[in-house]
Amino acid sequence: DYDTEIYLQVPRSEAERVRKEIERTRHELRAEIAAIWRSAEPAHFQEPRFETLTARLEAMLRERFNRSGRQGVEKVVVVSGAGLRLGR
């Protein structure tokens, strides 16, 4: 079991739209993320920065949020069990 947080970097002009879409499709997103996790190879969880999982999540989230020429997701960061809290 991995205690994991996923952060999205989005342009300020798109932040509200992406936030509303996340709220509206919260359960769908959880299911898609869970499917990515369940289909991962054990080695993917040993990568220092979860490069493979991050790339898969980023592709899925860009497909969902970067539509009609809008740049909804610029970057995805996966943080797992680090126990460090930076910022707020």
Protein backbone atom coordinates (compact mmCIF):
# COMPACT_ATOMS: atom_id res chain seq x y z
CA ASP A 1 0.00 0.00 0.00
CA TYR A 2 1.43 3.37 -1.04
CA ASP A 3 0.30 6.60 0.63
CA THR A 4 0.48 8.80 -2.46
CA GLU A 5 -0.39 12.34 -3.47
CA ILE A 6 -0.66 13.56 -7.06
CA TYR A 7 -0.10 17.23 -7.84
CA LEU A 8 -0.98 18.93 -11.11
CA GLN A 9 0.76 22.02 -12.39
CA VAL A 10 -1.70 24.02 -14.50
CA PRO A 11 -1.67 27.52 -15.96
CA ARG A 12 -3.30 30.05 -13.64
CA SER A 13 -5.87 30.82 -16.35
CA GLU A 14 -6.98 27.17 -16.41
CA ALA A 15 -6.83 26.40 -12.67
CA GLU A 16 -10.51 26.98 -11.90
CA ARG A 17 -11.69 24.95 -14.90
CA VAL A 18 -9.42 22.02 -13.99
CA ARG A 19 -10.43 22.19 -10.32
CA LYS A 20 -14.13 22.04 -11.24
CA GLU A 21 -13.54 19.15 -13.63
CA ILE A 22 -11.64 17.24 -10.93
CA GLU A 23 -14.52 17.77 -8.49
CA ARG A 24 -17.09 16.75 -11.10
CA THR A 25 -15.27 13.56 -12.15
CA ARG A 26 -13.58 12.67 -8.84
CA HIS A 27 -14.75 9.03 -8.83
CA GLU A 28 -13.82 8.45 -12.48
CA LEU A 29 -10.35 9.87 -11.84
CA ARG A 30 -9.87 7.67 -8.77
CA ALA A 31 -10.83 4.60 -10.82
CA GLU A 32 -8.44 5.51 -13.65
CA ILE A 33 -5.59 6.19 -11.22
CA ALA A 34 -6.27 2.92 -9.39
CA ALA A 35 -6.17 1.04 -12.71
CA ILE A 36 -2.78 2.58 -13.51
CA TRP A 37 -1.49 1.57 -10.06
CA ARG A 38 -2.84 -1.99 -10.28
CA SER A 39 -1.36 -2.55 -13.74
CA ALA A 40 2.11 -1.27 -12.77
CA GLU A 41 5.10 -3.57 -12.64
CA PRO A 42 6.77 -3.99 -9.21
CA ALA A 43 9.88 -2.26 -10.58
CA HIS A 44 7.85 0.91 -11.25
CA PHE A 45 7.41 1.38 -7.50
CA GLN A 46 11.18 1.17 -6.99
CA GLU A 47 11.97 4.08 -9.31
CA PRO A 48 13.29 7.07 -7.33
CA ARG A 49 10.81 9.52 -8.88
CA PHE A 50 8.16 7.06 -10.10
CA GLU A 51 9.05 8.07 -13.66
CA THR A 52 6.96 5.37 -15.37
CA LEU A 53 3.87 5.90 -13.21
CA THR A 54 4.18 9.67 -13.50
CA ALA A 55 4.38 9.43 -17.31
CA ARG A 56 1.28 7.22 -17.41
CA LEU A 57 -0.66 9.53 -15.09
CA GLU A 58 0.47 12.61 -17.02
CA ALA A 59 -0.69 11.08 -20.32
CA MET A 60 -4.10 10.19 -18.88
CA LEU A 61 -4.59 13.60 -17.25
CA ARG A 62 -3.44 15.54 -20.31
CA GLU A 63 -5.87 13.56 -22.46
CA ARG A 64 -8.65 14.48 -20.05
CA PHE A 65 -7.82 18.16 -19.43
CA ASN A 66 -5.90 19.39 -22.49
CA ARG A 67 -8.73 19.64 -24.99
CA SER A 68 -9.83 22.15 -27.59
CA GLY A 69 -6.37 23.71 -27.70
CA ARG A 70 -6.39 24.41 -23.94
CA GLN A 71 -3.28 23.64 -21.90
CA GLY A 72 -4.90 22.25 -18.74
CA VAL A 73 -2.06 20.12 -17.36
CA GLU A 74 1.56 21.19 -17.72
CA LYS A 75 3.18 18.77 -15.29
CA VAL A 76 2.31 15.95 -12.89
CA VAL A 77 4.25 15.28 -9.69
CA VAL A 78 3.78 12.06 -7.70
CA VAL A 79 4.78 12.11 -4.03
CA SER A 80 4.65 8.82 -2.17
CA GLY A 81 5.15 8.29 1.53
CA ALA A 82 7.93 10.84 1.91
CA GLY A 83 6.53 12.23 5.15
CA LEU A 84 7.80 15.70 4.26
CA ARG A 85 5.49 18.69 3.99
CA LEU A 86 6.81 21.72 2.14
CA GLY A 87 4.87 24.95 1.74
CA ARG A 88 1.35 25.13 3.13
